[in-house]
Protein backbone atom coordinates (compact mmCIF):
# COMPACT_ATOMS: atom_id res chain seq x y z
CA UNK A 1 37.50 0.06 -31.22
CA UNK A 2 40.91 -0.96 -32.47
CA UNK A 3 42.64 -4.17 -31.44
CA UNK A 4 46.44 -4.13 -31.51
CA UNK A 5 48.35 -7.41 -31.66
CA UNK A 6 52.08 -7.37 -30.94
CA UNK A 7 54.76 -9.89 -31.77
CA UNK A 8 58.52 -10.19 -31.74
CA UNK A 9 59.61 -9.86 -28.13
CA UNK A 10 62.03 -12.22 -26.43
CA UNK A 11 65.42 -12.70 -24.83
CA UNK A 12 68.50 -11.24 -26.49
CA UNK A 13 72.09 -10.67 -25.45
CA UNK A 14 73.49 -7.16 -25.01
CA UNK A 15 74.40 -5.73 -28.38
CA UNK A 16 71.84 -7.85 -30.16
CA UNK A 17 68.77 -6.93 -32.18
CA UNK A 18 65.03 -7.55 -32.10
CA UNK A 19 62.16 -6.44 -34.28
CA UNK A 20 58.71 -5.82 -32.83
CA UNK A 21 55.56 -5.76 -34.94
CA UNK A 22 52.08 -4.53 -34.12
CA UNK A 23 49.09 -5.06 -36.37
CA UNK A 24 45.86 -3.10 -35.98
CA UNK A 25 42.53 -4.79 -36.59
CA UNK A 26 41.28 -2.13 -38.96
CA UNK A 27 42.20 1.10 -40.68
CA UNK A 28 40.73 4.55 -40.21
CA UNK A 29 40.20 6.60 -37.09
CA UNK A 30 42.55 5.77 -34.26
CA UNK A 31 45.68 5.15 -36.28
CA UNK A 32 46.84 8.71 -36.82
CA UNK A 33 49.89 8.01 -34.67
CA UNK A 34 51.27 4.53 -34.01
CA UNK A 35 54.20 3.62 -31.87
CA UNK A 36 55.70 1.99 -28.83
CA UNK A 37 55.89 2.62 -25.11
CA UNK A 38 57.73 0.56 -22.54
CA UNK A 39 57.49 -0.07 -18.84
CA UNK A 40 60.24 -1.53 -16.70
CA UNK A 41 59.53 -2.97 -13.22
CA UNK A 42 58.91 -0.18 -10.75
CA UNK A 43 59.00 2.46 -13.46
CA UNK A 44 56.40 4.53 -15.24
CA UNK A 45 55.41 3.75 -18.79
CA UNK A 46 57.44 5.87 -21.19
CA UNK A 47 57.35 6.70 -24.87
CA UNK A 48 59.95 4.86 -26.93
CA UNK A 49 59.07 6.03 -30.43
CA UNK A 50 56.13 6.87 -32.62
CA UNK A 51 55.37 7.59 -36.25
CA UNK A 52 52.51 9.54 -37.75
CA UNK A 53 50.45 8.48 -40.74
CA UNK A 54 52.49 10.98 -42.74
CA UNK A 55 55.78 9.43 -41.68
CA UNK A 56 57.03 11.88 -39.06
CA UNK A 57 58.86 10.18 -36.22
CA UNK A 58 59.72 10.93 -32.61
CA UNK A 59 62.16 9.04 -30.37
CA UNK A 60 63.11 8.99 -26.74
CA UNK A 61 66.64 10.30 -26.29
CA UNK A 62 67.72 6.98 -24.80
CA UNK A 63 67.00 5.08 -28.03
CA UNK A 64 68.00 7.58 -30.70
CA UNK A 65 70.46 6.08 -33.15
CA UNK A 66 69.68 2.53 -32.01
CA UNK A 67 65.94 2.06 -32.62
CA UNK A 68 63.95 2.71 -35.77
CA UNK A 69 60.17 2.99 -35.90
CA UNK A 70 58.30 2.53 -39.17
CA UNK A 71 54.83 1.73 -40.40
CA UNK A 72 53.09 0.12 -43.33
CA UNK A 73 49.81 1.96 -43.76
CA UNK A 74 48.51 -0.61 -46.22
CA UNK A 75 48.89 -3.31 -43.55
CA UNK A 76 47.91 -1.11 -40.57
CA UNK A 77 51.15 -2.26 -38.96
CA UNK A 78 53.89 -0.50 -37.02
CA UNK A 79 57.38 -1.88 -36.46
CA UNK A 80 60.20 -1.21 -34.05
CA UNK A 81 63.67 -2.29 -35.10
CA UNK A 82 65.89 -2.39 -32.02
CA UNK A 83 69.65 -2.62 -32.48
CA UNK A 84 72.56 -2.42 -30.05
CA UNK A 85 70.28 -3.46 -27.23
CA UNK A 86 71.32 -2.74 -23.66
CA UNK A 87 70.21 -4.33 -20.38
CA UNK A 88 68.41 -1.09 -19.53
CA UNK A 89 66.14 -1.68 -22.55
CA UNK A 90 64.59 -4.58 -20.66
CA UNK A 91 60.88 -3.86 -20.24
CA UNK A 92 57.41 -4.75 -21.41
CA UNK A 93 56.87 -3.00 -24.71
CA UNK A 94 53.35 -1.82 -25.51
CA UNK A 95 52.04 -0.92 -28.91
CA UNK A 96 50.00 2.28 -28.97
CA UNK A 97 47.79 3.91 -31.52
CA UNK A 98 46.06 7.22 -30.97
CA UNK A 99 44.04 9.93 -32.62
CA UNK A 100 42.17 13.08 -31.73
CA UNK A 101 38.56 14.14 -32.10
CA UNK A 102 36.61 16.94 -30.48
CA UNK A 103 39.62 17.95 -28.41
CA UNK A 104 40.05 14.50 -26.91
CA UNK A 105 42.81 12.01 -27.44
CA UNK A 106 41.74 8.43 -28.02
CA UNK A 107 44.35 5.79 -27.13
CA UNK A 108 44.44 2.11 -27.98
CA UNK A 109 46.91 -0.34 -26.46
CA UNK A 110 48.28 -3.76 -27.21
CA UNK A 111 48.68 -6.42 -24.56
CA UNK A 112 52.43 -5.91 -24.26
CA UNK A 113 55.40 -8.03 -25.19
CA UNK A 114 58.40 -8.74 -22.97
CA UNK A 115 61.87 -7.73 -24.12
CA UNK A 116 64.73 -8.97 -21.97
CA UNK A 117 68.33 -7.99 -22.66
CA UNK A 118 70.68 -10.18 -20.67
CA UNK A 119 73.79 -12.30 -21.06
C-alpha cells in the first residue's frame, strides 16, 4: 500500500496562485505515474495533470499554460503549481499515484484538498 498526503489547498482570488504538494509514504511500486485529479460538485472526477517517473507530463486542455506538474523522486513527492486561477478551477483536488503489473492498473489516492477560487 501507498499512503498519499496532500497539502496546499485553500481559498484564492481569481488570477491568484496556489501550490499543492503530495507526499507518498514510500518509494517503489505504485509511483510510476503521479499526478492530480479534481472533482467539482456534481461533476465527474477528471485528470488535471500527471508526470511519469521519467519526467513526461500530461495536462488537461483546460489547465495547459497555467498549471505545472512536477515531482521530486528523491522525496516521493509530486507538486502542482497553479497560476492564473479561475473560478471554474474550484474543486476538490486529489493526488493520484498509479502503476501497472500483470495487465492491471493499481491506483492510490490521497484524501483530497479543497481549492476554492472566488473573490
